[in-house]
């Protein structure tokens, strides 16, 4: 069975996180075809980055209402 790997990316507003995530996911998808993005704006209900990322063609899902730092067990499922 193949292990699922994930990476947490955080930083200041406007630092280029979304741009970097999209570029990285596209690169992984070209090579392996299996990257997706979980977007989380520290509990915000209206996640702009998730909508923008989904429009990029990268499979995107959002985690709203909680910080991703409390979601490690749920990411396995």
N, C-alpha and C. Protein backbone atom coordinates (compact mmCIF):
# COMPACT_ATOMS: atom_id res chain seq x y z
N UNK A 1 0.83 -1.17 0.00
CA UNK A 1 0.00 0.00 0.00
C UNK A 1 0.89 1.25 0.00
N UNK A 2 0.55 2.21 -0.84
CA UNK A 2 1.33 3.44 -0.95
C UNK A 2 0.94 4.41 0.16
N UNK A 3 1.94 5.04 0.76
CA UNK A 3 1.68 6.02 1.80
C UNK A 3 1.23 7.33 1.17
N UNK A 4 0.32 8.01 1.85
CA UNK A 4 -0.11 9.34 1.44
C UNK A 4 0.80 10.34 2.12
N UNK A 5 1.32 11.26 1.35
CA UNK A 5 2.21 12.28 1.90
C UNK A 5 1.52 13.63 1.80
N UNK A 6 1.77 14.47 2.78
CA UNK A 6 1.25 15.82 2.70
C UNK A 6 2.25 16.80 3.28
N UNK A 7 2.08 18.06 2.88
CA UNK A 7 2.98 19.11 3.30
C UNK A 7 2.12 20.28 3.77
N UNK A 8 2.49 20.91 4.86
CA UNK A 8 1.79 22.08 5.36
C UNK A 8 2.61 23.31 4.95
N UNK A 9 1.93 24.27 4.35
CA UNK A 9 2.57 25.50 3.91
C UNK A 9 1.87 26.67 4.59
N UNK A 10 2.63 27.51 5.26
CA UNK A 10 2.04 28.67 5.92
C UNK A 10 2.95 29.87 5.71
N UNK A 11 2.41 31.04 5.94
CA UNK A 11 3.20 32.25 5.78
C UNK A 11 2.31 33.47 5.82
N UNK A 12 2.93 34.61 5.66
CA UNK A 12 2.22 35.88 5.74
C UNK A 12 1.33 36.11 4.52
N UNK A 13 0.32 36.94 4.69
CA UNK A 13 -0.57 37.34 3.61
C UNK A 13 0.24 37.96 2.47
N UNK A 14 0.05 37.45 1.27
CA UNK A 14 0.74 37.99 0.11
C UNK A 14 2.14 37.44 -0.12
N UNK A 15 2.52 36.41 0.64
CA UNK A 15 3.88 35.87 0.54
C UNK A 15 4.08 34.96 -0.68
N UNK A 16 2.98 34.54 -1.33
CA UNK A 16 3.10 33.67 -2.50
C UNK A 16 2.77 32.22 -2.23
N UNK A 17 2.08 31.95 -1.12
CA UNK A 17 1.75 30.57 -0.76
C UNK A 17 0.87 29.90 -1.81
N UNK A 18 -0.19 30.58 -2.23
CA UNK A 18 -1.12 30.00 -3.19
C UNK A 18 -0.44 29.76 -4.53
N UNK A 19 0.32 30.71 -4.99
CA UNK A 19 1.06 30.57 -6.25
C UNK A 19 2.03 29.39 -6.17
N UNK A 20 2.71 29.27 -5.04
CA UNK A 20 3.66 28.16 -4.86
C UNK A 20 2.95 26.81 -4.81
N UNK A 21 1.81 26.76 -4.11
CA UNK A 21 1.06 25.50 -4.02
C UNK A 21 0.58 25.04 -5.40
N UNK A 22 0.06 25.97 -6.18
CA UNK A 22 -0.43 25.63 -7.52
C UNK A 22 0.71 25.14 -8.39
N UNK A 23 1.84 25.84 -8.38
CA UNK A 23 2.99 25.44 -9.20
C UNK A 23 3.51 24.07 -8.78
N UNK A 24 3.60 23.84 -7.48
CA UNK A 24 4.09 22.56 -6.98
C UNK A 24 3.13 21.43 -7.34
N UNK A 25 1.84 21.64 -7.14
CA UNK A 25 0.84 20.61 -7.46
C UNK A 25 0.84 20.29 -8.95
N UNK A 26 0.94 21.30 -9.79
CA UNK A 26 1.00 21.06 -11.24
C UNK A 26 2.23 20.25 -11.60
N UNK A 27 3.35 20.55 -10.98
CA UNK A 27 4.59 19.81 -11.25
C UNK A 27 4.44 18.34 -10.83
N UNK A 28 3.90 18.11 -9.65
CA UNK A 28 3.69 16.73 -9.18
C UNK A 28 2.71 16.01 -10.09
N UNK A 29 1.65 16.69 -10.50
CA UNK A 29 0.65 16.06 -11.38
C UNK A 29 1.25 15.69 -12.73
N UNK A 30 2.14 16.52 -13.26
CA UNK A 30 2.79 16.19 -14.53
C UNK A 30 3.64 14.93 -14.39
N UNK A 31 4.31 14.81 -13.26
CA UNK A 31 5.22 13.67 -13.06
C UNK A 31 4.50 12.41 -12.57
N UNK A 32 3.55 12.58 -11.64
CA UNK A 32 2.96 11.43 -10.97
C UNK A 32 1.44 11.36 -11.07
N UNK A 33 0.79 12.48 -11.37
CA UNK A 33 -0.66 12.51 -11.52
C UNK A 33 -1.46 12.34 -10.25
N UNK A 34 -0.92 12.78 -9.10
CA UNK A 34 -1.64 12.50 -7.86
C UNK A 34 -1.61 13.61 -6.81
N UNK A 35 -1.49 14.86 -7.21
CA UNK A 35 -1.43 15.95 -6.22
C UNK A 35 -2.79 16.63 -6.08
N UNK A 36 -3.06 17.07 -4.88
CA UNK A 36 -4.26 17.85 -4.59
C UNK A 36 -3.90 18.87 -3.53
N UNK A 37 -4.75 19.87 -3.36
CA UNK A 37 -4.50 20.92 -2.37
C UNK A 37 -5.66 20.96 -1.39
N UNK A 38 -5.32 20.97 -0.09
CA UNK A 38 -6.28 21.22 0.97
C UNK A 38 -6.06 22.65 1.42
N UNK A 39 -7.04 23.51 1.23
CA UNK A 39 -6.89 24.92 1.58
C UNK A 39 -7.53 25.21 2.92
N UNK A 40 -6.85 26.01 3.73
CA UNK A 40 -7.36 26.39 5.04
C UNK A 40 -6.85 27.78 5.38
N UNK A 41 -7.76 28.71 5.61
CA UNK A 41 -7.38 30.07 6.00
C UNK A 41 -7.61 30.29 7.49
N UNK A 42 -7.04 29.42 8.31
CA UNK A 42 -7.12 29.51 9.77
C UNK A 42 -8.55 29.72 10.28
N UNK A 43 -9.44 28.87 9.79
CA UNK A 43 -10.80 28.88 10.31
C UNK A 43 -11.75 29.81 9.59
N UNK A 44 -11.31 30.50 8.56
CA UNK A 44 -12.21 31.40 7.83
C UNK A 44 -13.30 30.59 7.13
N UNK A 45 -14.52 31.11 7.11
CA UNK A 45 -15.62 30.43 6.45
C UNK A 45 -15.61 30.64 4.95
N UNK A 46 -15.15 31.79 4.48
CA UNK A 46 -15.13 32.12 3.06
C UNK A 46 -13.68 32.06 2.58
N UNK A 47 -13.28 30.94 2.03
CA UNK A 47 -11.88 30.73 1.66
C UNK A 47 -11.66 31.11 0.21
N UNK A 48 -11.09 32.28 -0.01
CA UNK A 48 -10.85 32.80 -1.35
C UNK A 48 -9.79 31.96 -2.07
N UNK A 49 -8.73 31.59 -1.37
CA UNK A 49 -7.66 30.81 -1.99
C UNK A 49 -8.15 29.47 -2.51
N UNK A 50 -9.09 28.84 -1.83
CA UNK A 50 -9.62 27.55 -2.28
C UNK A 50 -10.34 27.72 -3.61
N UNK A 51 -11.13 28.77 -3.74
CA UNK A 51 -11.84 29.03 -5.00
C UNK A 51 -10.84 29.32 -6.13
N UNK A 52 -9.87 30.16 -5.85
CA UNK A 52 -8.86 30.51 -6.85
C UNK A 52 -8.05 29.28 -7.27
N UNK A 53 -7.68 28.46 -6.31
CA UNK A 53 -6.90 27.26 -6.59
C UNK A 53 -7.71 26.26 -7.41
N UNK A 54 -8.97 26.10 -7.08
CA UNK A 54 -9.83 25.17 -7.82
C UNK A 54 -9.94 25.58 -9.28
N UNK A 55 -9.94 26.88 -9.56
CA UNK A 55 -10.01 27.38 -10.93
C UNK A 55 -8.73 27.11 -11.71
N UNK A 56 -7.65 26.77 -11.01
CA UNK A 56 -6.37 26.52 -11.67
C UNK A 56 -6.30 25.14 -12.31
N UNK A 57 -7.30 24.30 -12.02
CA UNK A 57 -7.30 22.95 -12.56
C UNK A 57 -6.71 21.91 -11.63
N UNK A 58 -6.25 22.33 -10.46
CA UNK A 58 -5.70 21.41 -9.47
C UNK A 58 -6.84 20.97 -8.55
N UNK A 59 -6.96 19.68 -8.29
CA UNK A 59 -7.98 19.17 -7.38
C UNK A 59 -7.82 19.87 -6.03
N UNK A 60 -8.90 20.51 -5.56
CA UNK A 60 -8.82 21.33 -4.36
C UNK A 60 -9.99 21.02 -3.43
N UNK A 61 -9.69 20.96 -2.14
CA UNK A 61 -10.72 20.81 -1.12
C UNK A 61 -10.37 21.78 0.00
N UNK A 62 -11.38 22.29 0.68
CA UNK A 62 -11.11 23.25 1.74
C UNK A 62 -11.46 22.67 3.10
N UNK A 63 -10.74 23.13 4.11
CA UNK A 63 -11.01 22.80 5.50
C UNK A 63 -11.41 24.12 6.15
N UNK A 64 -12.67 24.29 6.46
CA UNK A 64 -13.14 25.54 7.05
C UNK A 64 -13.53 25.31 8.50
N UNK A 65 -13.42 26.35 9.30
CA UNK A 65 -13.89 26.30 10.67
C UNK A 65 -12.89 25.80 11.68
N UNK A 66 -11.69 25.45 11.24
CA UNK A 66 -10.68 24.96 12.17
C UNK A 66 -9.32 25.10 11.52
N UNK A 67 -8.31 25.16 12.31
CA UNK A 67 -6.94 25.24 11.80
C UNK A 67 -6.49 23.85 11.36
N UNK A 68 -5.74 23.78 10.28
CA UNK A 68 -5.25 22.50 9.76
C UNK A 68 -4.37 21.79 10.79
N UNK A 69 -3.79 22.55 11.73
CA UNK A 69 -2.92 21.94 12.73
C UNK A 69 -3.67 20.96 13.63
N UNK A 70 -5.00 21.04 13.65
CA UNK A 70 -5.80 20.11 14.45
C UNK A 70 -6.43 19.01 13.59
N UNK A 71 -6.02 18.91 12.33
CA UNK A 71 -6.68 18.01 11.39
C UNK A 71 -5.83 16.81 10.97
N UNK A 72 -4.67 16.59 11.54
CA UNK A 72 -3.76 15.54 11.09
C UNK A 72 -4.42 14.17 11.02
N UNK A 73 -5.17 13.80 12.05
CA UNK A 73 -5.84 12.49 12.05
C UNK A 73 -6.88 12.41 10.94
N UNK A 74 -7.58 13.50 10.67
CA UNK A 74 -8.62 13.51 9.65
C UNK A 74 -8.04 13.45 8.24
N UNK A 75 -6.82 13.89 8.05
CA UNK A 75 -6.20 13.88 6.72
C UNK A 75 -5.97 12.45 6.25
N UNK A 76 -5.76 11.54 7.16
CA UNK A 76 -5.55 10.13 6.79
C UNK A 76 -6.79 9.58 6.13
N UNK A 77 -7.97 9.91 6.68
CA UNK A 77 -9.23 9.42 6.11
C UNK A 77 -9.47 10.05 4.76
